[in-house]
Amino acid sequence: MGCAFKAISDERRRMILKILGKSDASAGEIASKFNISQPTVSNHLKILKEAGLITEQKIKQNRIYSLNRTELRKIIERIEELIGR
């Protein structure tokens, strides 16, 4: 869980999660929504993937990223336990 908190501590990664919450996307599609390079976006995606917050699916030559809603729900439940909800 600590890895997930570290991953979401960065504002750009939170913005990526928000984008993926609306629809699946490739690194290029995500990069086009920011003023940052595709390699930088790919690095952020790697961190989010390692934290289990997103998944990656290879479709032909593209890598499509999706929000891992199951893992995010688990994190939310753990936070709610901490605050007594």
PDB file of N, CA and C in Angstrom:
ATOM      1  N   MET A   1       0.827  -1.191   0.000  1.00  0.00           N
ATOM      2  CA  MET A   1       0.000   0.000   0.000  1.00  0.00           C
ATOM      3  C   MET A   1       0.867   1.250   0.000  1.00  0.00           C
ATOM      4  N   GLY A   2       2.029   1.190   0.627  1.00  0.00           N
ATOM      5  CA  GLY A   2       2.927   2.332   0.643  1.00  0.00           C
ATOM      6  C   GLY A   2       3.367   2.735  -0.751  1.00  0.00           C
ATOM      7  N   CYS A   3       3.568   1.738  -1.597  1.00  0.00           N
ATOM      8  CA  CYS A   3       3.960   1.995  -2.981  1.00  0.00           C
ATOM      9  C   CYS A   3       2.853   2.763  -3.706  1.00  0.00           C
ATOM     10  N   ALA A   4       1.617   2.414  -3.426  1.00  0.00           N
ATOM     11  CA  ALA A   4       0.480   3.098  -4.053  1.00  0.00           C
ATOM     12  C   ALA A   4       0.398   4.544  -3.585  1.00  0.00           C
ATOM     13  N   PHE A   5       0.612   4.772  -2.298  1.00  0.00           N
ATOM     14  CA  PHE A   5       0.572   6.148  -1.786  1.00  0.00           C
ATOM     15  C   PHE A   5       1.682   6.987  -2.401  1.00  0.00           C
ATOM     16  N   LYS A   6       2.856   6.391  -2.538  1.00  0.00           N
ATOM     17  CA  LYS A   6       3.960   7.116  -3.166  1.00  0.00           C
ATOM     18  C   LYS A   6       3.617   7.429  -4.622  1.00  0.00           C
ATOM     19  N   ALA A   7       2.996   6.477  -5.303  1.00  0.00           N
ATOM     20  CA  ALA A   7       2.638   6.675  -6.707  1.00  0.00           C
ATOM     21  C   ALA A   7       1.642   7.816  -6.882  1.00  0.00           C
ATOM     22  N   ILE A   8       0.675   7.911  -5.981  1.00  0.00           N
ATOM     23  CA  ILE A   8      -0.339   8.957  -6.142  1.00  0.00           C
ATOM     24  C   ILE A   8       0.079  10.280  -5.505  1.00  0.00           C
ATOM     25  N   SER A   9       1.274  10.324  -4.938  1.00  0.00           N
ATOM     26  CA  SER A   9       1.737  11.579  -4.338  1.00  0.00           C
ATOM     27  C   SER A   9       2.106  12.612  -5.403  1.00  0.00           C
ATOM     28  N   ASP A  10       2.330  12.155  -6.624  1.00  0.00           N
ATOM     29  CA  ASP A  10       2.703  13.050  -7.717  1.00  0.00           C
ATOM     30  C   ASP A  10       1.454  13.543  -8.451  1.00  0.00           C
ATOM     31  N   GLU A  11       1.364  14.841  -8.643  1.00  0.00           N
ATOM     32  CA  GLU A  11       0.178  15.434  -9.276  1.00  0.00           C
ATOM     33  C   GLU A  11      -0.044  14.919 -10.694  1.00  0.00           C
ATOM     34  N   ARG A  12       1.023  14.751 -11.456  1.00  0.00           N
ATOM     35  CA  ARG A  12       0.861  14.254 -12.834  1.00  0.00           C
ATOM     36  C   ARG A  12       0.303  12.840 -12.847  1.00  0.00           C
ATOM     37  N   ARG A  13       0.752  12.019 -11.919  1.00  0.00           N
ATOM     38  CA  ARG A  13       0.225  10.645 -11.872  1.00  0.00           C
ATOM     39  C   ARG A  13      -1.240  10.638 -11.466  1.00  0.00           C
ATOM     40  N   ARG A  14      -1.624  11.544 -10.573  1.00  0.00           N
ATOM     41  CA  ARG A  14      -3.052  11.647 -10.223  1.00  0.00           C
ATOM     42  C   ARG A  14      -3.864  12.085 -11.441  1.00  0.00           C
ATOM     43  N   MET A  15      -3.296  12.970 -12.247  1.00  0.00           N
ATOM     44  CA  MET A  15      -3.992  13.406 -13.462  1.00  0.00           C
ATOM     45  C   MET A  15      -4.116  12.254 -14.455  1.00  0.00           C
ATOM     46  N   ILE A  16      -3.091  11.428 -14.545  1.00  0.00           N
ATOM     47  CA  ILE A  16      -3.150  10.252 -15.416  1.00  0.00           C
ATOM     48  C   ILE A  16      -4.246   9.306 -14.941  1.00  0.00           C
ATOM     49  N   LEU A  17      -4.343   9.094 -13.636  1.00  0.00           N
ATOM     50  CA  LEU A  17      -5.407   8.240 -13.099  1.00  0.00           C
ATOM     51  C   LEU A  17      -6.775   8.806 -13.442  1.00  0.00           C
ATOM     52  N   LYS A  18      -6.900  10.112 -13.377  1.00  0.00           N
ATOM     53  CA  LYS A  18      -8.175  10.755 -13.707  1.00  0.00           C
ATOM     54  C   LYS A  18      -8.527  10.528 -15.181  1.00  0.00           C
ATOM     55  N   ILE A  19      -7.547  10.654 -16.054  1.00  0.00           N
ATOM     56  CA  ILE A  19      -7.767  10.407 -17.485  1.00  0.00           C
ATOM     57  C   ILE A  19      -8.190   8.961 -17.710  1.00  0.00           C
ATOM     58  N   LEU A  20      -7.474   8.029 -17.079  1.00  0.00           N
ATOM     59  CA  LEU A  20      -7.793   6.611 -17.260  1.00  0.00           C
ATOM     60  C   LEU A  20      -9.113   6.239 -16.592  1.00  0.00           C
ATOM     61  N   GLY A  21      -9.550   7.032 -15.641  1.00  0.00           N
ATOM     62  CA  GLY A  21     -10.857   6.809 -15.033  1.00  0.00           C
ATOM     63  C   GLY A  21     -11.989   7.066 -16.010  1.00  0.00           C
ATOM     64  N   LYS A  22     -11.711   7.885 -17.011  1.00  0.00           N
ATOM     65  CA  LYS A  22     -12.721   8.198 -18.030  1.00  0.00           C
ATOM     66  C   LYS A  22     -12.683   7.209 -19.183  1.00  0.00           C
ATOM     67  N   SER A  23     -11.467   6.803 -19.591  1.00  0.00           N
ATOM     68  CA  SER A  23     -11.343   5.812 -20.665  1.00  0.00           C
ATOM     69  C   SER A  23      -9.916   5.288 -20.733  1.00  0.00           C
ATOM     70  N   ASP A  24      -9.768   4.100 -21.263  1.00  0.00           N
ATOM     71  CA  ASP A  24      -8.450   3.514 -21.465  1.00  0.00           C
ATOM     72  C   ASP A  24      -7.695   4.360 -22.489  1.00  0.00           C
ATOM     73  N   ALA A  25      -6.366   4.350 -22.414  1.00  0.00           N
ATOM     74  CA  ALA A  25      -5.587   5.178 -23.333  1.00  0.00           C
ATOM     75  C   ALA A  25      -4.170   4.647 -23.470  1.00  0.00           C
ATOM     76  N   SER A  26      -3.538   5.021 -24.573  1.00  0.00           N
ATOM     77  CA  SER A  26      -2.124   4.704 -24.781  1.00  0.00           C
ATOM     78  C   SER A  26      -1.276   5.815 -24.172  1.00  0.00           C
ATOM     79  N   ALA A  27       0.019   5.559 -24.062  1.00  0.00           N
ATOM     80  CA  ALA A  27       0.924   6.580 -23.522  1.00  0.00           C
ATOM     81  C   ALA A  27       0.896   7.832 -24.390  1.00  0.00           C
ATOM     82  N   GLY A  28       0.835   7.655 -25.694  1.00  0.00           N
ATOM     83  CA  GLY A  28       0.780   8.798 -26.605  1.00  0.00           C
ATOM     84  C   GLY A  28      -0.473   9.626 -26.417  1.00  0.00           C
ATOM     85  N   GLU A  29      -1.599   8.957 -26.227  1.00  0.00           N
ATOM     86  CA  GLU A  29      -2.858   9.678 -25.997  1.00  0.00           C
ATOM     87  C   GLU A  29      -2.803  10.459 -24.691  1.00  0.00           C
ATOM     88  N   ILE A  30      -2.208   9.858 -23.678  1.00  0.00           N
ATOM     89  CA  ILE A  30      -2.086  10.544 -22.389  1.00  0.00           C
ATOM     90  C   ILE A  30      -1.136  11.728 -22.523  1.00  0.00           C
ATOM     91  N   ALA A  31       0.001  11.518 -23.203  1.00  0.00           N
ATOM     92  CA  ALA A  31       0.986  12.594 -23.374  1.00  0.00           C
ATOM     93  C   ALA A  31       0.390  13.782 -24.107  1.00  0.00           C
ATOM     94  N   SER A  32      -0.517  13.525 -25.033  1.00  0.00           N
ATOM     95  CA  SER A  32      -1.111  14.626 -25.805  1.00  0.00           C
ATOM     96  C   SER A  32      -1.972  15.539 -24.935  1.00  0.00           C
ATOM     97  N   LYS A  33      -2.365  15.087 -23.773  1.00  0.00           N
ATOM     98  CA  LYS A  33      -3.185  15.891 -22.864  1.00  0.00           C
ATOM     99  C   LYS A  33      -2.337  16.719 -21.894  1.00  0.00           C
ATOM    100  N   PHE A  34      -1.016  16.508 -21.912  1.00  0.00           N
ATOM    101  CA  PHE A  34      -0.093  17.201 -21.012  1.00  0.00           C
ATOM    102  C   PHE A  34       0.961  17.939 -21.819  1.00  0.00           C
ATOM    103  N   ASN A  35       1.678  18.787 -21.146  1.00  0.00           N
ATOM    104  CA  ASN A  35       2.816  19.463 -21.759  1.00  0.00           C
ATOM    105  C   ASN A  35       4.100  18.759 -21.327  1.00  0.00           C
ATOM    106  N   ILE A  36       4.104  17.419 -21.457  1.00  0.00           N
ATOM    107  CA  ILE A  36       5.281  16.625 -21.111  1.00  0.00           C
ATOM    108  C   ILE A  36       5.507  15.583 -22.200  1.00  0.00           C
ATOM    109  N   SER A  37       6.720  15.087 -22.281  1.00  0.00           N
ATOM    110  CA  SER A  37       7.077  14.142 -23.336  1.00  0.00           C
ATOM    111  C   SER A  37       6.478  12.759 -23.087  1.00  0.00           C
ATOM    112  N   GLN A  38       6.397  11.984 -24.165  1.00  0.00           N
ATOM    113  CA  GLN A  38       5.887  10.623 -24.035  1.00  0.00           C
ATOM    114  C   GLN A  38       6.792   9.758 -23.150  1.00  0.00           C
ATOM    115  N   PRO A  39       8.136   9.884 -23.229  1.00  0.00           N
ATOM    116  CA  PRO A  39       8.973   9.101 -22.306  1.00  0.00           C
ATOM    117  C   PRO A  39       8.696   9.425 -20.835  1.00  0.00           C
ATOM    118  N   THR A  40       8.417  10.689 -20.533  1.00  0.00           N
ATOM    119  CA  THR A  40       8.094  11.066 -19.152  1.00  0.00           C
ATOM    120  C   THR A  40       6.778  10.428 -18.734  1.00  0.00           C
ATOM    121  N   VAL A  41       5.791  10.466 -19.630  1.00  0.00           N
ATOM    122  CA  VAL A  41       4.502   9.823 -19.345  1.00  0.00           C
ATOM    123  C   VAL A  41       4.716   8.329 -19.138  1.00  0.00           C
ATOM    124  N   SER A  42       5.534   7.716 -19.981  1.00  0.00           N
ATOM    125  CA  SER A  42       5.803   6.279 -19.851  1.00  0.00           C
ATOM    126  C   SER A  42       6.418   5.950 -18.497  1.00  0.00           C
ATOM    127  N   ASN A  43       7.290   6.814 -18.004  1.00  0.00           N
ATOM    128  CA  ASN A  43       7.881   6.601 -16.682  1.00  0.00           C
ATOM    129  C   ASN A  43       6.812   6.677 -15.591  1.00  0.00           C
ATOM    130  N   HIS A  44       5.926   7.656 -15.687  1.00  0.00           N
ATOM    131  CA  HIS A  44       4.831   7.765 -14.718  1.00  0.00           C
ATOM    132  C   HIS A  44       3.928   6.526 -14.792  1.00  0.00           C
ATOM    133  N   LEU A  45       3.653   6.051 -16.009  1.00  0.00           N
ATOM    134  CA  LEU A  45       2.819   4.860 -16.178  1.00  0.00           C
ATOM    135  C   LEU A  45       3.486   3.640 -15.549  1.00  0.00           C
ATOM    136  N   LYS A  46       4.800   3.542 -15.694  1.00  0.00           N
ATOM    137  CA  LYS A  46       5.541   2.424 -15.096  1.00  0.00           C
ATOM    138  C   LYS A  46       5.372   2.424 -13.577  1.00  0.00           C
ATOM    139  N   ILE A  47       5.480   3.591 -12.965  1.00  0.00           N
ATOM    140  CA  ILE A  47       5.336   3.701 -11.509  1.00  0.00           C
ATOM    141  C   ILE A  47       3.921   3.317 -11.081  1.00  0.00           C
ATOM    142  N   LEU A  48       2.923   3.799 -11.815  1.00  0.00           N
ATOM    143  CA  LEU A  48       1.527   3.470 -11.495  1.00  0.00           C
ATOM    144  C   LEU A  48       1.261   1.978 -11.671  1.00  0.00           C
ATOM    145  N   LYS A  49       1.853   1.395 -12.703  1.00  0.00           N
ATOM    146  CA  LYS A  49       1.676  -0.040 -12.951  1.00  0.00           C
ATOM    147  C   LYS A  49       2.336  -0.864 -11.847  1.00  0.00           C
ATOM    148  N   GLU A  50       3.551  -0.487 -11.453  1.00  0.00           N
ATOM    149  CA  GLU A  50       4.251  -1.205 -10.380  1.00  0.00           C
ATOM    150  C   GLU A  50       3.491  -1.120  -9.060  1.00  0.00           C
ATOM    151  N   ALA A  51       2.756  -0.030  -8.870  1.00  0.00           N
ATOM    152  CA  ALA A  51       1.954   0.138  -7.654  1.00  0.00           C
ATOM    153  C   ALA A  51       0.627  -0.608  -7.748  1.00  0.00           C
ATOM    154  N   GLY A  52       0.336  -1.174  -8.922  1.00  0.00           N
ATOM    155  CA  GLY A  52      -0.903  -1.922  -9.107  1.00  0.00           C
ATOM    156  C   GLY A  52      -2.117  -1.048  -9.368  1.00  0.00           C
ATOM    157  N   LEU A  53      -1.900   0.228  -9.640  1.00  0.00           N
ATOM    158  CA  LEU A  53      -3.025   1.147  -9.825  1.00  0.00           C
ATOM    159  C   LEU A  53      -3.565   1.156 -11.247  1.00  0.00           C
ATOM    160  N   ILE A  54      -2.744   0.696 -12.194  1.00  0.00           N
ATOM    161  CA  ILE A  54      -3.196   0.590 -13.574  1.00  0.00           C
ATOM    162  C   ILE A  54      -2.760  -0.757 -14.132  1.00  0.00           C
ATOM    163  N   THR A  55      -3.384  -1.144 -15.218  1.00  0.00           N
ATOM    164  CA  THR A  55      -2.996  -2.359 -15.923  1.00  0.00           C
ATOM    165  C   THR A  55      -2.609  -1.977 -17.341  1.00  0.00           C
ATOM    166  N   GLU A  56      -1.859  -2.862 -17.962  1.00  0.00           N
ATOM    167  CA  GLU A  56      -1.389  -2.625 -19.326  1.00  0.00           C
ATOM    168  C   GLU A  56      -1.800  -3.807 -20.180  1.00  0.00           C
ATOM    169  N   GLN A  57      -2.348  -3.515 -21.334  1.00  0.00           N
ATOM    170  CA  GLN A  57      -2.746  -4.569 -22.258  1.00  0.00           C
ATOM    171  C   GLN A  57      -2.112  -4.267 -23.605  1.00  0.00           C
ATOM    172  N   LYS A  58      -1.452  -5.258 -24.177  1.00  0.00           N
ATOM    173  CA  LYS A  58      -0.830  -5.067 -25.475  1.00  0.00           C
ATOM    174  C   LYS A  58      -1.832  -5.469 -26.550  1.00  0.00           C
ATOM    175  N   ILE A  59      -2.164  -4.518 -27.408  1.00  0.00           N
ATOM    176  CA  ILE A  59      -3.073  -4.769 -28.524  1.00  0.00           C
ATOM    177  C   ILE A  59      -2.315  -4.429 -29.798  1.00  0.00           C
ATOM    178  N   LYS A  60      -1.988  -5.459 -30.558  1.00  0.00           N
ATOM    179  CA  LYS A  60      -1.123  -5.330 -31.732  1.00  0.00           C
ATOM    180  C   LYS A  60       0.173  -4.664 -31.303  1.00  0.00           C
ATOM    181  N   GLN A  61       0.476  -3.481 -31.828  1.00  0.00           N
ATOM    182  CA  GLN A  61       1.730  -2.816 -31.480  1.00  0.00           C
ATOM    183  C   GLN A  61       1.543  -1.752 -30.409  1.00  0.00           C
ATOM    184  N   ASN A  62       0.338  -1.604 -29.899  1.00  0.00           N
ATOM    185  CA  ASN A  62       0.051  -0.573 -28.898  1.00  0.00           C
ATOM    186  C   ASN A  62      -0.066  -1.165 -27.504  1.00  0.00           C
ATOM    187  N   ARG A  63       0.296  -0.360 -26.536  1.00  0.00           N
ATOM    188  CA  ARG A  63       0.067  -0.707 -25.133  1.00  0.00           C
ATOM    189  C   ARG A  63      -1.034   0.217 -24.635  1.00  0.00           C
ATOM    190  N   ILE A  64      -2.110  -0.383 -24.182  1.00  0.00           N
ATOM    191  CA  ILE A  64      -3.261   0.373 -23.710  1.00  0.00           C
ATOM    192  C   ILE A  64      -3.318   0.246 -22.188  1.00  0.00           C
ATOM    193  N   TYR A  65      -3.468   1.380 -21.530  1.00  0.00           N
ATOM    194  CA  TYR A  65      -3.479   1.423 -20.072  1.00  0.00           C
ATOM    195  C   TYR A  65      -4.898   1.621 -19.567  1.00  0.00           C
ATOM    196  N   SER A  66      -5.205   0.940 -18.468  1.00  0.00           N
ATOM    197  CA  SER A  66      -6.530   1.002 -17.853  1.00  0.00           C
ATOM    198  C   SER A  66      -6.381   1.206 -16.359  1.00  0.00           C
ATOM    199  N   LEU A  67      -7.371   1.834 -15.786  1.00  0.00           N
ATOM    200  CA  LEU A  67      -7.415   2.015 -14.343  1.00  0.00           C
ATOM    201  C   LEU A  67      -7.730   0.677 -13.687  1.00  0.00           C
ATOM    202  N   ASN A  68      -7.008   0.323 -12.642  1.00  0.00           N
ATOM    203  CA  ASN A  68      -7.276  -0.904 -11.895  1.00  0.00           C
ATOM    204  C   ASN A  68      -8.239  -0.545 -10.759  1.00  0.00           C
ATOM    205  N   ARG A  69      -9.506  -0.538 -11.084  1.00  0.00           N
ATOM    206  CA  ARG A  69     -10.532  -0.100 -10.132  1.00  0.00           C
ATOM    207  C   ARG A  69     -10.583  -0.987  -8.885  1.00  0.00           C
ATOM    208  N   THR A  70     -10.324  -2.269  -9.049  1.00  0.00           N
ATOM    209  CA  THR A  70     -10.345  -3.186  -7.909  1.00  0.00           C
ATOM    210  C   THR A  70      -9.297  -2.788  -6.877  1.00  0.00           C
ATOM    211  N   GLU A  71      -8.092  -2.522  -7.339  1.00  0.00           N
ATOM    212  CA  GLU A  71      -7.014  -2.137  -6.417  1.00  0.00           C
ATOM    213  C   GLU A  71      -7.299  -0.778  -5.787  1.00  0.00           C
ATOM    214  N   LEU A  72      -7.827   0.146  -6.563  1.00  0.00           N
ATOM    215  CA  LEU A  72      -8.160   1.466  -6.006  1.00  0.00           C
ATOM    216  C   LEU A  72      -9.236   1.360  -4.933  1.00  0.00           C
ATOM    217  N   ARG A  73     -10.217   0.486  -5.149  1.00  0.00           N
ATOM    218  CA  ARG A  73     -11.261   0.288  -4.128  1.00  0.00           C
ATOM    219  C   ARG A  73     -10.661  -0.257  -2.834  1.00  0.00           C
ATOM    220  N   LYS A  74      -9.703  -1.180  -2.962  1.00  0.00           N
ATOM    221  CA  LYS A  74      -9.042  -1.731  -1.771  1.00  0.00           C
ATOM    222  C   LYS A  74      -8.324  -0.631  -0.994  1.00  0.00           C
ATOM    223  N   ILE A  75      -7.660   0.248  -1.711  1.00  0.00           N
ATOM    224  CA  ILE A  75      -6.946   1.353  -1.056  1.00  0.00           C
ATOM    225  C   ILE A  75      -7.930   2.275  -0.359  1.00  0.00           C
ATOM    226  N   ILE A  76      -9.032   2.580  -1.025  1.00  0.00           N
ATOM    227  CA  ILE A  76     -10.061   3.440  -0.419  1.00  0.00           C
ATOM    228  C   ILE A  76     -10.614   2.785   0.841  1.00  0.00           C
ATOM    229  N   GLU A  77     -10.867   1.478   0.782  1.00  0.00           N
ATOM    230  CA  GLU A  77     -11.375   0.762   1.959  1.00  0.00           C
ATOM    231  C   GLU A  77     -10.378   0.824   3.112  1.00  0.00           C
ATOM    232  N   ARG A  78      -9.096   0.686   2.817  1.00  0.00           N
ATOM    233  CA  ARG A  78      -8.074   0.757   3.869  1.00  0.00           C
ATOM    234  C   ARG A  78      -8.023   2.146   4.489  1.00  0.00           C
ATOM    235  N   ILE A  79      -8.148   3.161   3.660  1.00  0.00           N
ATOM    236  CA  ILE A  79      -8.156   4.536   4.174  1.00  0.00           C
ATOM    237  C   ILE A  79      -9.379   4.758   5.051  1.00  0.00           C
ATOM    238  N   GLU A  80     -10.529   4.260   4.610  1.00  0.00           N
ATOM    239  CA  GLU A  80     -11.752   4.409   5.408  1.00  0.00           C
ATOM    240  C   GLU A  80     -11.617   3.699   6.753  1.00  0.00           C
ATOM    241  N   GLU A  81     -10.940   2.552   6.781  1.00  0.00           N
ATOM    242  CA  GLU A  81     -10.695   1.860   8.052  1.00  0.00           C
ATOM    243  C   GLU A  81      -9.845   2.727   8.977  1.00  0.00           C
ATOM    244  N   LEU A  82      -8.868   3.394   8.406  1.00  0.00           N
ATOM    245  CA  LEU A  82      -7.980   4.245   9.209  1.00  0.00           C
ATOM    246  C   LEU A  82      -8.709   5.436   9.822  1.00  0.00           C
ATOM    247  N   ILE A  83      -9.681   5.962   9.079  1.00  0.00           N
ATOM    248  CA  ILE A  83     -10.390   7.145   9.586  1.00  0.00           C
ATOM    249  C   ILE A  83     -11.694   6.783  10.287  1.00  0.00           C
ATOM    250  N   GLY A  84     -11.945   5.485  10.405  1.00  0.00           N
ATOM    251  CA  GLY A  84     -13.101   5.032  11.169  1.00  0.00           C
ATOM    252  C   GLY A  84     -14.428   5.094  10.453  1.00  0.00           C
ATOM    253  N   ARG A  85     -14.411   4.936   9.161  1.00  0.00           N
ATOM    254  CA  ARG A  85     -15.672   4.926   8.411  1.00  0.00           C
ATOM    255  C   ARG A  85     -16.173   3.537   8.227  1.00  0.00           C
TER     256      ARG A  85
END
